[in-house]
Structure formats: C-alpha cells, structure tokens
Amino acid sequence: MHHGWMERISLDPAICHGRACIRGTRVLVSVILDNLAAGVPREEILASYPSLTSPDIDAALHYAAELAREETLSLPVELSA
C-alpha cells in the first residue's frame, strides 16, 4: 500500500495545537472530513481553501481510514434479536 498521503499530513504541536492538518497549511483534516461528510463537493472545498489540492483531500480520507482501522469510538453495541 502506498503511504504517500502521510507526507501530506502534519502533526506539529506548534501548528493547529498538534491536531492533524494538511502540511504547509492550517487546514485541519477534520475540517476537510466534516465538509465531505456534509456533502460539500470537492471543488467547493478546494475553492474555499485555496491552499488545498485534490491530493490533500485524498490524504485526509486515507488518514481517516487509517484511524478507523486502528481505533473505535464508544458506539452502542448492536444486539441481534
């Protein structure tokens, strides 16, 4: 699996309070993901954040997928009848 997306994500305590952001910007990965989850088209996100590129959005999605593989949230357990 190609991990080139990792080079686009920055975790720097001096930038964005150490929260994941796109390297070289102050755009939080969570902001990109929130926009995508709300159905905002990729082109609109790129227009709203001129410092972003389409591969940056891809990197945010890869980062989220990696987190989903590694961690779970406390969600109610579904019990089958």
PDB file of N, CA and C in Angstrom:
ATOM      1  N   MET A   1       0.852  -1.203   0.000  1.00  0.00           N
ATOM      2  CA  MET A   1       0.000   0.000   0.000  1.00  0.00           C
ATOM      3  C   MET A   1       0.882   1.246   0.000  1.00  0.00           C
ATOM      4  N   HIS A   2       0.545   2.191  -0.841  1.00  0.00           N
ATOM      5  CA  HIS A   2       1.323   3.428  -0.952  1.00  0.00           C
ATOM      6  C   HIS A   2       0.935   4.396   0.169  1.00  0.00           C
ATOM      7  N   HIS A   3       1.951   4.815   0.905  1.00  0.00           N
ATOM      8  CA  HIS A   3       1.685   5.718   2.035  1.00  0.00           C
ATOM      9  C   HIS A   3       2.117   7.153   1.741  1.00  0.00           C
ATOM     10  N   GLY A   4       2.122   7.545   0.464  1.00  0.00           N
ATOM     11  CA  GLY A   4       2.499   8.902   0.102  1.00  0.00           C
ATOM     12  C   GLY A   4       1.621   9.949   0.768  1.00  0.00           C
ATOM     13  N   TRP A   5       0.392   9.558   1.106  1.00  0.00           N
ATOM     14  CA  TRP A   5      -0.526  10.500   1.750  1.00  0.00           C
ATOM     15  C   TRP A   5       0.037  10.971   3.082  1.00  0.00           C
ATOM     16  N   MET A   6       0.847  10.139   3.731  1.00  0.00           N
ATOM     17  CA  MET A   6       1.389  10.507   5.048  1.00  0.00           C
ATOM     18  C   MET A   6       2.253  11.761   4.977  1.00  0.00           C
ATOM     19  N   GLU A   7       2.871  11.984   3.824  1.00  0.00           N
ATOM     20  CA  GLU A   7       3.718  13.170   3.669  1.00  0.00           C
ATOM     21  C   GLU A   7       2.887  14.441   3.608  1.00  0.00           C
ATOM     22  N   ARG A   8       1.594  14.314   3.392  1.00  0.00           N
ATOM     23  CA  ARG A   8       0.726  15.489   3.290  1.00  0.00           C
ATOM     24  C   ARG A   8       0.086  15.879   4.621  1.00  0.00           C
ATOM     25  N   ILE A   9       0.168  14.985   5.608  1.00  0.00           N
ATOM     26  CA  ILE A   9      -0.458  15.243   6.911  1.00  0.00           C
ATOM     27  C   ILE A   9       0.609  15.643   7.916  1.00  0.00           C
ATOM     28  N   SER A  10       0.332  16.686   8.675  1.00  0.00           N
ATOM     29  CA  SER A  10       1.289  17.181   9.661  1.00  0.00           C
ATOM     30  C   SER A  10       0.679  17.135  11.060  1.00  0.00           C
ATOM     31  N   LEU A  11       1.480  16.663  12.003  1.00  0.00           N
ATOM     32  CA  LEU A  11       1.096  16.700  13.424  1.00  0.00           C
ATOM     33  C   LEU A  11       2.199  17.462  14.146  1.00  0.00           C
ATOM     34  N   ASP A  12       2.025  18.756  14.280  1.00  0.00           N
ATOM     35  CA  ASP A  12       3.052  19.617  14.869  1.00  0.00           C
ATOM     36  C   ASP A  12       2.425  20.391  16.022  1.00  0.00           C
ATOM     37  N   PRO A  13       2.948  20.202  17.237  1.00  0.00           N
ATOM     38  CA  PRO A  13       2.369  20.908  18.397  1.00  0.00           C
ATOM     39  C   PRO A  13       2.308  22.427  18.218  1.00  0.00           C
ATOM     40  N   ALA A  14       3.185  22.967  17.370  1.00  0.00           N
ATOM     41  CA  ALA A  14       3.221  24.418  17.164  1.00  0.00           C
ATOM     42  C   ALA A  14       2.199  24.876  16.128  1.00  0.00           C
ATOM     43  N   ILE A  15       1.601  23.931  15.414  1.00  0.00           N
ATOM     44  CA  ILE A  15       0.634  24.278  14.368  1.00  0.00           C
ATOM     45  C   ILE A  15      -0.685  23.575  14.673  1.00  0.00           C
ATOM     46  N   CYS A  16      -1.772  24.327  14.666  1.00  0.00           N
ATOM     47  CA  CYS A  16      -3.116  23.766  14.895  1.00  0.00           C
ATOM     48  C   CYS A  16      -3.186  22.981  16.205  1.00  0.00           C
ATOM     49  N   HIS A  17      -2.435  23.410  17.199  1.00  0.00           N
ATOM     50  CA  HIS A  17      -2.446  22.774  18.526  1.00  0.00           C
ATOM     51  C   HIS A  17      -2.164  21.282  18.455  1.00  0.00           C
ATOM     52  N   GLY A  18      -1.350  20.884  17.480  1.00  0.00           N
ATOM     53  CA  GLY A  18      -0.968  19.480  17.373  1.00  0.00           C
ATOM     54  C   GLY A  18      -2.017  18.590  16.743  1.00  0.00           C
ATOM     55  N   ARG A  19      -3.120  19.169  16.281  1.00  0.00           N
ATOM     56  CA  ARG A  19      -4.148  18.371  15.604  1.00  0.00           C
ATOM     57  C   ARG A  19      -3.733  18.163  14.156  1.00  0.00           C
ATOM     58  N   ALA A  20      -4.172  17.082  13.565  1.00  0.00           N
ATOM     59  CA  ALA A  20      -3.782  16.753  12.197  1.00  0.00           C
ATOM     60  C   ALA A  20      -4.246  17.839  11.233  1.00  0.00           C
ATOM     61  N   CYS A  21      -3.302  18.349  10.456  1.00  0.00           N
ATOM     62  CA  CYS A  21      -3.648  19.317   9.424  1.00  0.00           C
ATOM     63  C   CYS A  21      -2.852  18.989   8.169  1.00  0.00           C
ATOM     64  N   ILE A  22      -3.220  19.637   7.083  1.00  0.00           N
ATOM     65  CA  ILE A  22      -2.517  19.428   5.829  1.00  0.00           C
ATOM     66  C   ILE A  22      -1.198  20.198   5.900  1.00  0.00           C
ATOM     67  N   ARG A  23      -0.103  19.485   5.646  1.00  0.00           N
ATOM     68  CA  ARG A  23       1.242  20.069   5.747  1.00  0.00           C
ATOM     69  C   ARG A  23       1.327  21.364   4.948  1.00  0.00           C
ATOM     70  N   GLY A  24       1.913  22.380   5.577  1.00  0.00           N
ATOM     71  CA  GLY A  24       2.092  23.665   4.907  1.00  0.00           C
ATOM     72  C   GLY A  24       0.862  24.553   4.947  1.00  0.00           C
ATOM     73  N   THR A  25      -0.192  24.081   5.621  1.00  0.00           N
ATOM     74  CA  THR A  25      -1.417  24.882   5.743  1.00  0.00           C
ATOM     75  C   THR A  25      -1.856  24.837   7.208  1.00  0.00           C
ATOM     76  N   ARG A  26      -2.913  25.551   7.498  1.00  0.00           N
ATOM     77  CA  ARG A  26      -3.536  25.435   8.813  1.00  0.00           C
ATOM     78  C   ARG A  26      -4.937  24.844   8.659  1.00  0.00           C
ATOM     79  N   VAL A  27      -5.110  24.067   7.612  1.00  0.00           N
ATOM     80  CA  VAL A  27      -6.397  23.433   7.358  1.00  0.00           C
ATOM     81  C   VAL A  27      -6.423  22.081   8.061  1.00  0.00           C
ATOM     82  N   LEU A  28      -7.327  21.943   9.031  1.00  0.00           N
ATOM     83  CA  LEU A  28      -7.424  20.700   9.796  1.00  0.00           C
ATOM     84  C   LEU A  28      -8.005  19.583   8.936  1.00  0.00           C
ATOM     85  N   VAL A  29      -7.457  18.396   9.109  1.00  0.00           N
ATOM     86  CA  VAL A  29      -8.004  17.217   8.440  1.00  0.00           C
ATOM     87  C   VAL A  29      -9.480  17.067   8.800  1.00  0.00           C
ATOM     88  N   SER A  30      -9.819  17.317  10.059  1.00  0.00           N
ATOM     89  CA  SER A  30     -11.217  17.163  10.495  1.00  0.00           C
ATOM     90  C   SER A  30     -12.151  18.124   9.761  1.00  0.00           C
ATOM     91  N   VAL A  31     -11.669  19.308   9.407  1.00  0.00           N
ATOM     92  CA  VAL A  31     -12.495  20.270   8.666  1.00  0.00           C
ATOM     93  C   VAL A  31     -12.792  19.729   7.271  1.00  0.00           C
ATOM     94  N   ILE A  32     -11.780  19.149   6.635  1.00  0.00           N
ATOM     95  CA  ILE A  32     -11.986  18.563   5.307  1.00  0.00           C
ATOM     96  C   ILE A  32     -12.995  17.425   5.404  1.00  0.00           C
ATOM     97  N   LEU A  33     -12.816  16.551   6.388  1.00  0.00           N
ATOM     98  CA  LEU A  33     -13.712  15.406   6.545  1.00  0.00           C
ATOM     99  C   LEU A  33     -15.130  15.843   6.884  1.00  0.00           C
ATOM    100  N   ASP A  34     -15.272  16.861   7.735  1.00  0.00           N
ATOM    101  CA  ASP A  34     -16.599  17.377   8.073  1.00  0.00           C
ATOM    102  C   ASP A  34     -17.300  17.890   6.810  1.00  0.00           C
ATOM    103  N   ASN A  35     -16.567  18.595   5.967  1.00  0.00           N
ATOM    104  CA  ASN A  35     -17.136  19.112   4.719  1.00  0.00           C
ATOM    105  C   ASN A  35     -17.575  17.975   3.810  1.00  0.00           C
ATOM    106  N   LEU A  36     -16.718  16.965   3.655  1.00  0.00           N
ATOM    107  CA  LEU A  36     -17.072  15.822   2.809  1.00  0.00           C
ATOM    108  C   LEU A  36     -18.297  15.105   3.369  1.00  0.00           C
ATOM    109  N   ALA A  37     -18.336  14.918   4.679  1.00  0.00           N
ATOM    110  CA  ALA A  37     -19.457  14.221   5.311  1.00  0.00           C
ATOM    111  C   ALA A  37     -20.760  14.997   5.127  1.00  0.00           C
ATOM    112  N   ALA A  38     -20.649  16.326   5.040  1.00  0.00           N
ATOM    113  CA  ALA A  38     -21.841  17.165   4.858  1.00  0.00           C
ATOM    114  C   ALA A  38     -22.251  17.244   3.389  1.00  0.00           C
ATOM    115  N   GLY A  39     -21.509  16.543   2.528  1.00  0.00           N
ATOM    116  CA  GLY A  39     -21.872  16.531   1.118  1.00  0.00           C
ATOM    117  C   GLY A  39     -21.339  17.700   0.313  1.00  0.00           C
ATOM    118  N   VAL A  40     -20.396  18.438   0.874  1.00  0.00           N
ATOM    119  CA  VAL A  40     -19.810  19.559   0.134  1.00  0.00           C
ATOM    120  C   VAL A  40     -18.946  18.981  -0.993  1.00  0.00           C
ATOM    121  N   PRO A  41     -19.180  19.415  -2.227  1.00  0.00           N
ATOM    122  CA  PRO A  41     -18.382  18.884  -3.338  1.00  0.00           C
ATOM    123  C   PRO A  41     -16.898  19.244  -3.193  1.00  0.00           C
ATOM    124  N   ARG A  42     -16.059  18.328  -3.661  1.00  0.00           N
ATOM    125  CA  ARG A  42     -14.601  18.520  -3.594  1.00  0.00           C
ATOM    126  C   ARG A  42     -14.199  19.880  -4.183  1.00  0.00           C
ATOM    127  N   GLU A  43     -14.794  20.248  -5.325  1.00  0.00           N
ATOM    128  CA  GLU A  43     -14.434  21.509  -5.984  1.00  0.00           C
ATOM    129  C   GLU A  43     -14.731  22.706  -5.078  1.00  0.00           C
ATOM    130  N   GLU A  44     -15.831  22.609  -4.321  1.00  0.00           N
ATOM    131  CA  GLU A  44     -16.203  23.705  -3.414  1.00  0.00           C
ATOM    132  C   GLU A  44     -15.225  23.793  -2.240  1.00  0.00           C
ATOM    133  N   ILE A  45     -14.797  22.639  -1.732  1.00  0.00           N
ATOM    134  CA  ILE A  45     -13.801  22.629  -0.643  1.00  0.00           C
ATOM    135  C   ILE A  45     -12.505  23.260  -1.147  1.00  0.00           C
ATOM    136  N   LEU A  46     -12.081  22.881  -2.353  1.00  0.00           N
ATOM    137  CA  LEU A  46     -10.846  23.438  -2.906  1.00  0.00           C
ATOM    138  C   LEU A  46     -10.970  24.945  -3.130  1.00  0.00           C
ATOM    139  N   ALA A  47     -12.155  25.408  -3.518  1.00  0.00           N
ATOM    140  CA  ALA A  47     -12.368  26.845  -3.723  1.00  0.00           C
ATOM    141  C   ALA A  47     -12.360  27.584  -2.380  1.00  0.00           C
ATOM    142  N   SER A  48     -12.885  26.938  -1.327  1.00  0.00           N
ATOM    143  CA  SER A  48     -12.949  27.575  -0.008  1.00  0.00           C
ATOM    144  C   SER A  48     -11.574  27.648   0.664  1.00  0.00           C
ATOM    145  N   TYR A  49     -10.715  26.693   0.341  1.00  0.00           N
ATOM    146  CA  TYR A  49      -9.375  26.624   0.945  1.00  0.00           C
ATOM    147  C   TYR A  49      -8.346  26.579  -0.186  1.00  0.00           C
ATOM    148  N   PRO A  50      -7.962  27.753  -0.703  1.00  0.00           N
ATOM    149  CA  PRO A  50      -7.082  27.813  -1.879  1.00  0.00           C
ATOM    150  C   PRO A  50      -5.729  27.129  -1.676  1.00  0.00           C
ATOM    151  N   SER A  51      -5.309  26.942  -0.436  1.00  0.00           N
ATOM    152  CA  SER A  51      -4.019  26.291  -0.197  1.00  0.00           C
ATOM    153  C   SER A  51      -4.104  24.776  -0.361  1.00  0.00           C
ATOM    154  N   LEU A  52      -5.322  24.232  -0.479  1.00  0.00           N
ATOM    155  CA  LEU A  52      -5.504  22.786  -0.620  1.00  0.00           C
ATOM    156  C   LEU A  52      -5.429  22.351  -2.080  1.00  0.00           C
ATOM    157  N   THR A  53      -5.006  21.081  -2.260  1.00  0.00           N
ATOM    158  CA  THR A  53      -5.049  20.449  -3.570  1.00  0.00           C
ATOM    159  C   THR A  53      -5.920  19.200  -3.449  1.00  0.00           C
ATOM    160  N   SER A  54      -6.332  18.661  -4.578  1.00  0.00           N
ATOM    161  CA  SER A  54      -7.149  17.457  -4.559  1.00  0.00           C
ATOM    162  C   SER A  54      -6.432  16.294  -3.852  1.00  0.00           C
ATOM    163  N   PRO A  55      -5.113  16.091  -4.075  1.00  0.00           N
ATOM    164  CA  PRO A  55      -4.423  15.032  -3.331  1.00  0.00           C
ATOM    165  C   PRO A  55      -4.423  15.251  -1.811  1.00  0.00           C
ATOM    166  N   ASP A  56      -4.543  16.508  -1.369  1.00  0.00           N
ATOM    167  CA  ASP A  56      -4.649  16.770   0.076  1.00  0.00           C
ATOM    168  C   ASP A  56      -5.956  16.198   0.619  1.00  0.00           C
ATOM    169  N   ILE A  57      -7.036  16.330  -0.159  1.00  0.00           N
ATOM    170  CA  ILE A  57      -8.327  15.778   0.260  1.00  0.00           C
ATOM    171  C   ILE A  57      -8.239  14.254   0.304  1.00  0.00           C
ATOM    172  N   ASP A  58      -7.581  13.677  -0.699  1.00  0.00           N
ATOM    173  CA  ASP A  58      -7.371  12.222  -0.690  1.00  0.00           C
ATOM    174  C   ASP A  58      -6.597  11.804   0.556  1.00  0.00           C
ATOM    175  N   ALA A  59      -5.573  12.573   0.911  1.00  0.00           N
ATOM    176  CA  ALA A  59      -4.754  12.257   2.086  1.00  0.00           C
ATOM    177  C   ALA A  59      -5.599  12.289   3.355  1.00  0.00           C
ATOM    178  N   ALA A  60      -6.517  13.261   3.453  1.00  0.00           N
ATOM    179  CA  ALA A  60      -7.397  13.348   4.622  1.00  0.00           C
ATOM    180  C   ALA A  60      -8.264  12.096   4.730  1.00  0.00           C
ATOM    181  N   LEU A  61      -8.756  11.609   3.588  1.00  0.00           N
ATOM    182  CA  LEU A  61      -9.576  10.394   3.585  1.00  0.00           C
ATOM    183  C   LEU A  61      -8.747   9.172   3.985  1.00  0.00           C
ATOM    184  N   HIS A  62      -7.523   9.079   3.471  1.00  0.00           N
ATOM    185  CA  HIS A  62      -6.646   7.967   3.848  1.00  0.00           C
ATOM    186  C   HIS A  62      -6.353   7.995   5.343  1.00  0.00           C
ATOM    187  N   TYR A  63      -6.128   9.198   5.873  1.00  0.00           N
ATOM    188  CA  TYR A  63      -5.853   9.357   7.311  1.00  0.00           C
ATOM    189  C   TYR A  63      -7.050   8.875   8.129  1.00  0.00           C
ATOM    190  N   ALA A  64      -8.245   9.267   7.711  1.00  0.00           N
ATOM    191  CA  ALA A  64      -9.458   8.852   8.420  1.00  0.00           C
ATOM    192  C   ALA A  64      -9.633   7.340   8.354  1.00  0.00           C
ATOM    193  N   ALA A  65      -9.362   6.755   7.190  1.00  0.00           N
ATOM    194  CA  ALA A  65      -9.484   5.301   7.042  1.00  0.00           C
ATOM    195  C   ALA A  65      -8.492   4.592   7.965  1.00  0.00           C
ATOM    196  N   GLU A  66      -7.293   5.123   8.057  1.00  0.00           N
ATOM    197  CA  GLU A  66      -6.279   4.524   8.928  1.00  0.00           C
ATOM    198  C   GLU A  66      -6.728   4.594  10.388  1.00  0.00           C
ATOM    199  N   LEU A  67      -7.285   5.730  10.795  1.00  0.00           N
ATOM    200  CA  LEU A  67      -7.798   5.861  12.165  1.00  0.00           C
ATOM    201  C   LEU A  67      -8.922   4.867  12.425  1.00  0.00           C
ATOM    202  N   ALA A  68      -9.795   4.703  11.450  1.00  0.00           N
ATOM    203  CA  ALA A  68     -10.930   3.785  11.614  1.00  0.00           C
ATOM    204  C   ALA A  68     -10.437   2.344  11.776  1.00  0.00           C
ATOM    205  N   ARG A  69      -9.325   2.010  11.120  1.00  0.00           N
ATOM    206  CA  ARG A  69      -8.767   0.665  11.273  1.00  0.00           C
ATOM    207  C   ARG A  69      -8.146   0.475  12.642  1.00  0.00           C
ATOM    208  N   GLU A  70      -7.562   1.538  13.185  1.00  0.00           N
ATOM    209  CA  GLU A  70      -6.782   1.432  14.414  1.00  0.00           C
ATOM    210  C   GLU A  70      -7.591   1.662  15.681  1.00  0.00           C
ATOM    211  N   GLU A  71      -8.640   2.447  15.585  1.00  0.00           N
ATOM    212  CA  GLU A  71      -9.376   2.849  16.783  1.00  0.00           C
ATOM    213  C   GLU A  71     -10.881   2.712  16.547  1.00  0.00           C
ATOM    214  N   THR A  72     -11.614   2.607  17.640  1.00  0.00           N
ATOM    215  CA  THR A  72     -13.071   2.631  17.546  1.00  0.00           C
ATOM    216  C   THR A  72     -13.585   3.661  18.550  1.00  0.00           C
ATOM    217  N   LEU A  73     -14.737   4.189  18.258  1.00  0.00           N
ATOM    218  CA  LEU A  73     -15.412   5.095  19.184  1.00  0.00           C
ATOM    219  C   LEU A  73     -16.333   4.265  20.069  1.00  0.00           C
ATOM    220  N   SER A  74     -16.754   4.836  21.160  1.00  0.00           N
ATOM    221  CA  SER A  74     -17.709   4.145  22.016  1.00  0.00           C
ATOM    222  C   SER A  74     -19.102   4.283  21.427  1.00  0.00           C
ATOM    223  N   LEU A  75     -19.458   3.334  20.592  1.00  0.00           N
ATOM    224  CA  LEU A  75     -20.786   3.315  19.989  1.00  0.00           C
ATOM    225  C   LEU A  75     -21.601   2.225  20.661  1.00  0.00           C
ATOM    226  N   PRO A  76     -22.928   2.371  20.696  1.00  0.00           N
ATOM    227  CA  PRO A  76     -23.744   1.319  21.292  1.00  0.00           C
ATOM    228  C   PRO A  76     -23.584   0.013  20.511  1.00  0.00           C
ATOM    229  N   VAL A  77     -23.482  -1.074  21.209  1.00  0.00           N
ATOM    230  CA  VAL A  77     -23.349  -2.380  20.574  1.00  0.00           C
ATOM    231  C   VAL A  77     -24.700  -2.814  20.037  1.00  0.00           C
ATOM    232  N   GLU A  78     -24.717  -3.230  18.792  1.00  0.00           N
ATOM    233  CA  GLU A  78     -25.958  -3.701  18.176  1.00  0.00           C
ATOM    234  C   GLU A  78     -26.140  -5.163  18.541  1.00  0.00           C
ATOM    235  N   LEU A  79     -27.222  -5.470  19.192  1.00  0.00           N
ATOM    236  CA  LEU A  79     -27.517  -6.854  19.551  1.00  0.00           C
ATOM    237  C   LEU A  79     -28.545  -7.419  18.582  1.00  0.00           C
ATOM    238  N   SER A  80     -28.207  -8.527  17.939  1.00  0.00           N
ATOM    239  CA  SER A  80     -29.179  -9.116  17.020  1.00  0.00           C
ATOM    240  C   SER A  80     -30.223  -9.899  17.810  1.00  0.00           C
ATOM    241  N   ALA A  81     -31.433  -9.848  17.322  1.00  0.00           N
ATOM    242  CA  ALA A  81     -32.553 -10.473  18.029  1.00  0.00           C
ATOM    243  C   ALA A  81     -32.439 -11.980  18.046  1.00  0.00           C
TER     244      ALA A  81
END
